[in-house]
PDB file of N, CA and C in Angstrom:
ATOM      1  N   MET A   1     -16.692 -20.795  23.604  1.00  0.00           N
ATOM      2  CA  MET A   1     -16.179 -20.408  22.292  1.00  0.00           C
ATOM      3  C   MET A   1     -14.893 -21.174  21.976  1.00  0.00           C
ATOM      4  N   ARG A   2     -14.057 -21.278  22.995  1.00  0.00           N
ATOM      5  CA  ARG A   2     -12.805 -22.003  22.772  1.00  0.00           C
ATOM      6  C   ARG A   2     -13.049 -23.492  22.573  1.00  0.00           C
ATOM      7  N   LEU A   3     -14.032 -24.011  23.279  1.00  0.00           N
ATOM      8  CA  LEU A   3     -14.338 -25.434  23.152  1.00  0.00           C
ATOM      9  C   LEU A   3     -14.868 -25.758  21.755  1.00  0.00           C
ATOM     10  N   SER A   4     -15.712 -24.925  21.230  1.00  0.00           N
ATOM     11  CA  SER A   4     -16.270 -25.167  19.902  1.00  0.00           C
ATOM     12  C   SER A   4     -15.189 -25.064  18.831  1.00  0.00           C
ATOM     13  N   SER A   5     -14.271 -24.122  18.990  1.00  0.00           N
ATOM     14  CA  SER A   5     -13.188 -24.005  18.014  1.00  0.00           C
ATOM     15  C   SER A   5     -12.243 -25.195  18.110  1.00  0.00           C
ATOM     16  N   HIS A   6     -12.072 -25.721  19.327  1.00  0.00           N
ATOM     17  CA  HIS A   6     -11.215 -26.902  19.501  1.00  0.00           C
ATOM     18  C   HIS A   6     -11.848 -28.130  18.856  1.00  0.00           C
ATOM     19  N   ILE A   7     -13.155 -28.278  19.000  1.00  0.00           N
ATOM     20  CA  ILE A   7     -13.873 -29.389  18.372  1.00  0.00           C
ATOM     21  C   ILE A   7     -13.816 -29.250  16.851  1.00  0.00           C
ATOM     22  N   LEU A   8     -13.942 -28.041  16.362  1.00  0.00           N
ATOM     23  CA  LEU A   8     -13.859 -27.808  14.927  1.00  0.00           C
ATOM     24  C   LEU A   8     -12.474 -28.180  14.411  1.00  0.00           C
ATOM     25  N   LEU A   9     -11.442 -27.885  15.191  1.00  0.00           N
ATOM     26  CA  LEU A   9     -10.083 -28.238  14.802  1.00  0.00           C
ATOM     27  C   LEU A   9      -9.928 -29.750  14.708  1.00  0.00           C
ATOM     28  N   LEU A  10     -10.529 -30.466  15.646  1.00  0.00           N
ATOM     29  CA  LEU A  10     -10.467 -31.926  15.608  1.00  0.00           C
ATOM     30  C   LEU A  10     -11.236 -32.475  14.415  1.00  0.00           C
ATOM     31  N   GLU A  11     -12.368 -31.857  14.102  1.00  0.00           N
ATOM     32  CA  GLU A  11     -13.174 -32.321  12.975  1.00  0.00           C
ATOM     33  C   GLU A  11     -12.446 -32.107  11.651  1.00  0.00           C
ATOM     34  N   VAL A  12     -11.598 -31.100  11.595  1.00  0.00           N
ATOM     35  CA  VAL A  12     -10.843 -30.860  10.369  1.00  0.00           C
ATOM     36  C   VAL A  12      -9.593 -31.741  10.337  1.00  0.00           C
ATOM     37  N   HIS A  13      -8.998 -31.951  11.501  1.00  0.00           N
ATOM     38  CA  HIS A  13      -7.715 -32.642  11.570  1.00  0.00           C
ATOM     39  C   HIS A  13      -7.852 -34.151  11.364  1.00  0.00           C
ATOM     40  N   ILE A  14      -8.830 -34.769  12.010  1.00  0.00           N
ATOM     41  CA  ILE A  14      -8.966 -36.220  11.951  1.00  0.00           C
ATOM     42  C   ILE A  14      -9.372 -36.733  10.561  1.00  0.00           C
ATOM     43  N   PRO A  15     -10.384 -36.144   9.894  1.00  0.00           N
ATOM     44  CA  PRO A  15     -10.715 -36.617   8.548  1.00  0.00           C
ATOM     45  C   PRO A  15      -9.560 -36.433   7.564  1.00  0.00           C
ATOM     46  N   GLN A  16      -8.693 -35.449   7.824  1.00  0.00           N
ATOM     47  CA  GLN A  16      -7.537 -35.258   6.946  1.00  0.00           C
ATOM     48  C   GLN A  16      -6.607 -36.463   7.038  1.00  0.00           C
ATOM     49  N   LYS A  17      -6.413 -36.974   8.252  1.00  0.00           N
ATOM     50  CA  LYS A  17      -5.579 -38.170   8.409  1.00  0.00           C
ATOM     51  C   LYS A  17      -6.249 -39.378   7.771  1.00  0.00           C
ATOM     52  N   ILE A  18      -7.558 -39.469   7.910  1.00  0.00           N
ATOM     53  CA  ILE A  18      -8.293 -40.582   7.302  1.00  0.00           C
ATOM     54  C   ILE A  18      -8.199 -40.508   5.783  1.00  0.00           C
ATOM     55  N   PHE A  19      -8.290 -39.295   5.248  1.00  0.00           N
ATOM     56  CA  PHE A  19      -8.194 -39.117   3.796  1.00  0.00           C
ATOM     57  C   PHE A  19      -6.828 -39.544   3.286  1.00  0.00           C
ATOM     58  N   TYR A  20      -5.769 -39.112   3.986  1.00  0.00           N
ATOM     59  CA  TYR A  20      -4.423 -39.495   3.558  1.00  0.00           C
ATOM     60  C   TYR A  20      -4.175 -40.987   3.723  1.00  0.00           C
ATOM     61  N   PHE A  21      -4.775 -41.577   4.764  1.00  0.00           N
ATOM     62  CA  PHE A  21      -4.635 -43.018   4.965  1.00  0.00           C
ATOM     63  C   PHE A  21      -5.309 -43.790   3.831  1.00  0.00           C
ATOM     64  N   LEU A  22      -6.516 -43.363   3.464  1.00  0.00           N
ATOM     65  CA  LEU A  22      -7.225 -44.025   2.371  1.00  0.00           C
ATOM     66  C   LEU A  22      -6.504 -43.809   1.051  1.00  0.00           C
ATOM     67  N   LEU A  23      -5.941 -42.608   0.889  1.00  0.00           N
ATOM     68  CA  LEU A  23      -5.189 -42.337  -0.330  1.00  0.00           C
ATOM     69  C   LEU A  23      -3.947 -43.226  -0.404  1.00  0.00           C
ATOM     70  N   TRP A  24      -3.297 -43.416   0.753  1.00  0.00           N
ATOM     71  CA  TRP A  24      -2.112 -44.273   0.806  1.00  0.00           C
ATOM     72  C   TRP A  24      -2.491 -45.730   0.506  1.00  0.00           C
ATOM     73  N   ARG A  25      -3.628 -46.184   1.054  1.00  0.00           N
ATOM     74  CA  ARG A  25      -4.089 -47.551   0.796  1.00  0.00           C
ATOM     75  C   ARG A  25      -4.437 -47.734  -0.686  1.00  0.00           C
ATOM     76  N   PHE A  26      -5.028 -46.708  -1.269  1.00  0.00           N
ATOM     77  CA  PHE A  26      -5.402 -46.787  -2.683  1.00  0.00           C
ATOM     78  C   PHE A  26      -4.157 -46.843  -3.572  1.00  0.00           C
ATOM     79  N   LEU A  27      -3.189 -46.009  -3.255  1.00  0.00           N
ATOM     80  CA  LEU A  27      -1.980 -45.970  -4.073  1.00  0.00           C
ATOM     81  C   LEU A  27      -1.128 -47.219  -3.874  1.00  0.00           C
ATOM     82  N   SER A  28      -1.166 -47.785  -2.682  1.00  0.00           N
ATOM     83  CA  SER A  28      -0.345 -48.961  -2.413  1.00  0.00           C
ATOM     84  C   SER A  28      -0.881 -50.195  -3.150  1.00  0.00           C
ATOM     85  N   PHE A  29      -2.193 -50.211  -3.421  1.00  0.00           N
ATOM     86  CA  PHE A  29      -2.785 -51.341  -4.124  1.00  0.00           C
ATOM     87  C   PHE A  29      -3.010 -51.057  -5.608  1.00  0.00           C
ATOM     88  N   ASP A  30      -2.648 -49.867  -6.059  1.00  0.00           N
ATOM     89  CA  ASP A  30      -2.837 -49.519  -7.466  1.00  0.00           C
ATOM     90  C   ASP A  30      -1.547 -49.824  -8.241  1.00  0.00           C
ATOM     91  N   PRO A  31      -1.577 -50.784  -9.157  1.00  0.00           N
ATOM     92  CA  PRO A  31      -0.355 -51.125  -9.906  1.00  0.00           C
ATOM     93  C   PRO A  31       0.100 -49.999 -10.830  1.00  0.00           C
ATOM     94  N   PHE A  32      -0.815 -49.071 -11.157  1.00  0.00           N
ATOM     95  CA  PHE A  32      -0.471 -47.967 -12.044  1.00  0.00           C
ATOM     96  C   PHE A  32      -0.304 -46.649 -11.281  1.00  0.00           C
ATOM     97  N   ALA A  33      -0.071 -46.760  -9.983  1.00  0.00           N
ATOM     98  CA  ALA A  33       0.005 -45.551  -9.166  1.00  0.00           C
ATOM     99  C   ALA A  33       1.196 -44.674  -9.563  1.00  0.00           C
ATOM    100  N   THR A  34       2.272 -45.296 -10.028  1.00  0.00           N
ATOM    101  CA  THR A  34       3.471 -44.530 -10.362  1.00  0.00           C
ATOM    102  C   THR A  34       3.231 -43.612 -11.557  1.00  0.00           C
ATOM    103  N   SER A  35       2.255 -43.969 -12.411  1.00  0.00           N
ATOM    104  CA  SER A  35       1.965 -43.127 -13.564  1.00  0.00           C
ATOM    105  C   SER A  35       1.133 -41.906 -13.172  1.00  0.00           C
ATOM    106  N   TYR A  36       0.500 -41.977 -11.986  1.00  0.00           N
ATOM    107  CA  TYR A  36      -0.318 -40.855 -11.532  1.00  0.00           C
ATOM    108  C   TYR A  36       0.474 -39.869 -10.671  1.00  0.00           C
ATOM    109  N   ILE A  37       1.574 -40.362 -10.095  1.00  0.00           N
ATOM    110  CA  ILE A  37       2.328 -39.522  -9.169  1.00  0.00           C
ATOM    111  C   ILE A  37       3.456 -38.823  -9.909  1.00  0.00           C
ATOM    112  N   SER A  38       3.506 -37.514  -9.771  1.00  0.00           N
ATOM    113  CA  SER A  38       4.591 -36.749 -10.373  1.00  0.00           C
ATOM    114  C   SER A  38       5.850 -36.899  -9.522  1.00  0.00           C
ATOM    115  N   PRO A  39       7.026 -36.626 -10.077  1.00  0.00           N
ATOM    116  CA  PRO A  39       8.264 -36.732  -9.293  1.00  0.00           C
ATOM    117  C   PRO A  39       8.258 -35.837  -8.056  1.00  0.00           C
ATOM    118  N   PHE A  40       7.602 -34.684  -8.154  1.00  0.00           N
ATOM    119  CA  PHE A  40       7.542 -33.786  -7.002  1.00  0.00           C
ATOM    120  C   PHE A  40       6.747 -34.418  -5.869  1.00  0.00           C
ATOM    121  N   LEU A  41       5.604 -35.030  -6.205  1.00  0.00           N
ATOM    122  CA  LEU A  41       4.793 -35.693  -5.181  1.00  0.00           C
ATOM    123  C   LEU A  41       5.516 -36.922  -4.636  1.00  0.00           C
ATOM    124  N   ALA A  42       6.283 -37.570  -5.479  1.00  0.00           N
ATOM    125  CA  ALA A  42       7.034 -38.740  -5.020  1.00  0.00           C
ATOM    126  C   ALA A  42       8.086 -38.326  -3.994  1.00  0.00           C
ATOM    127  N   LEU A  43       8.663 -37.139  -4.182  1.00  0.00           N
ATOM    128  CA  LEU A  43       9.671 -36.663  -3.238  1.00  0.00           C
ATOM    129  C   LEU A  43       9.036 -36.206  -1.937  1.00  0.00           C
ATOM    130  N   THR A  44       7.872 -35.587  -2.018  1.00  0.00           N
ATOM    131  CA  THR A  44       7.231 -35.037  -0.825  1.00  0.00           C
ATOM    132  C   THR A  44       6.348 -36.062  -0.115  1.00  0.00           C
ATOM    133  N   TRP A  45       6.165 -37.249  -0.729  1.00  0.00           N
ATOM    134  CA  TRP A  45       5.267 -38.244  -0.136  1.00  0.00           C
ATOM    135  C   TRP A  45       5.819 -38.769   1.177  1.00  0.00           C
ATOM    136  N   LYS A  46       7.142 -39.025   1.231  1.00  0.00           N
ATOM    137  CA  LYS A  46       7.746 -39.524   2.460  1.00  0.00           C
ATOM    138  C   LYS A  46       7.673 -38.472   3.559  1.00  0.00           C
ATOM    139  N   LYS A  47       7.816 -37.206   3.189  1.00  0.00           N
ATOM    140  CA  LYS A  47       7.716 -36.129   4.174  1.00  0.00           C
ATOM    141  C   LYS A  47       6.296 -36.044   4.722  1.00  0.00           C
ATOM    142  N   THR A  48       5.307 -36.184   3.843  1.00  0.00           N
ATOM    143  CA  THR A  48       3.913 -36.115   4.278  1.00  0.00           C
ATOM    144  C   THR A  48       3.563 -37.289   5.177  1.00  0.00           C
ATOM    145  N   LEU A  49       4.020 -38.469   4.792  1.00  0.00           N
ATOM    146  CA  LEU A  49       3.737 -39.662   5.584  1.00  0.00           C
ATOM    147  C   LEU A  49       4.402 -39.572   6.949  1.00  0.00           C
ATOM    148  N   PHE A  50       5.596 -39.001   6.981  1.00  0.00           N
ATOM    149  CA  PHE A  50       6.302 -38.840   8.253  1.00  0.00           C
ATOM    150  C   PHE A  50       5.594 -37.817   9.129  1.00  0.00           C
ATOM    151  N   PHE A  51       5.033 -36.785   8.500  1.00  0.00           N
ATOM    152  CA  PHE A  51       4.337 -35.750   9.257  1.00  0.00           C
ATOM    153  C   PHE A  51       3.031 -36.280   9.845  1.00  0.00           C
ATOM    154  N   ILE A  52       2.362 -37.163   9.120  1.00  0.00           N
ATOM    155  CA  ILE A  52       1.095 -37.716   9.608  1.00  0.00           C
ATOM    156  C   ILE A  52       1.339 -38.664  10.775  1.00  0.00           C
ATOM    157  N   THR A  53       2.336 -39.538  10.639  1.00  0.00           N
ATOM    158  CA  THR A  53       2.620 -40.530  11.677  1.00  0.00           C
ATOM    159  C   THR A  53       3.533 -39.928  12.716  1.00  0.00           C
TER     160      THR A  53
END
């Protein structure tokens, strides 16, 4: 039971990092990314990136 819950945790945790990585790659290559990001997300983006890495 513990092993299955641990595997489930990994399945949720790893794709989340992949999603944020792809989102970061998309925003870094999008010239209009600043128009999509609100000031609140701009402030919390560095915190999120630091938490992932």
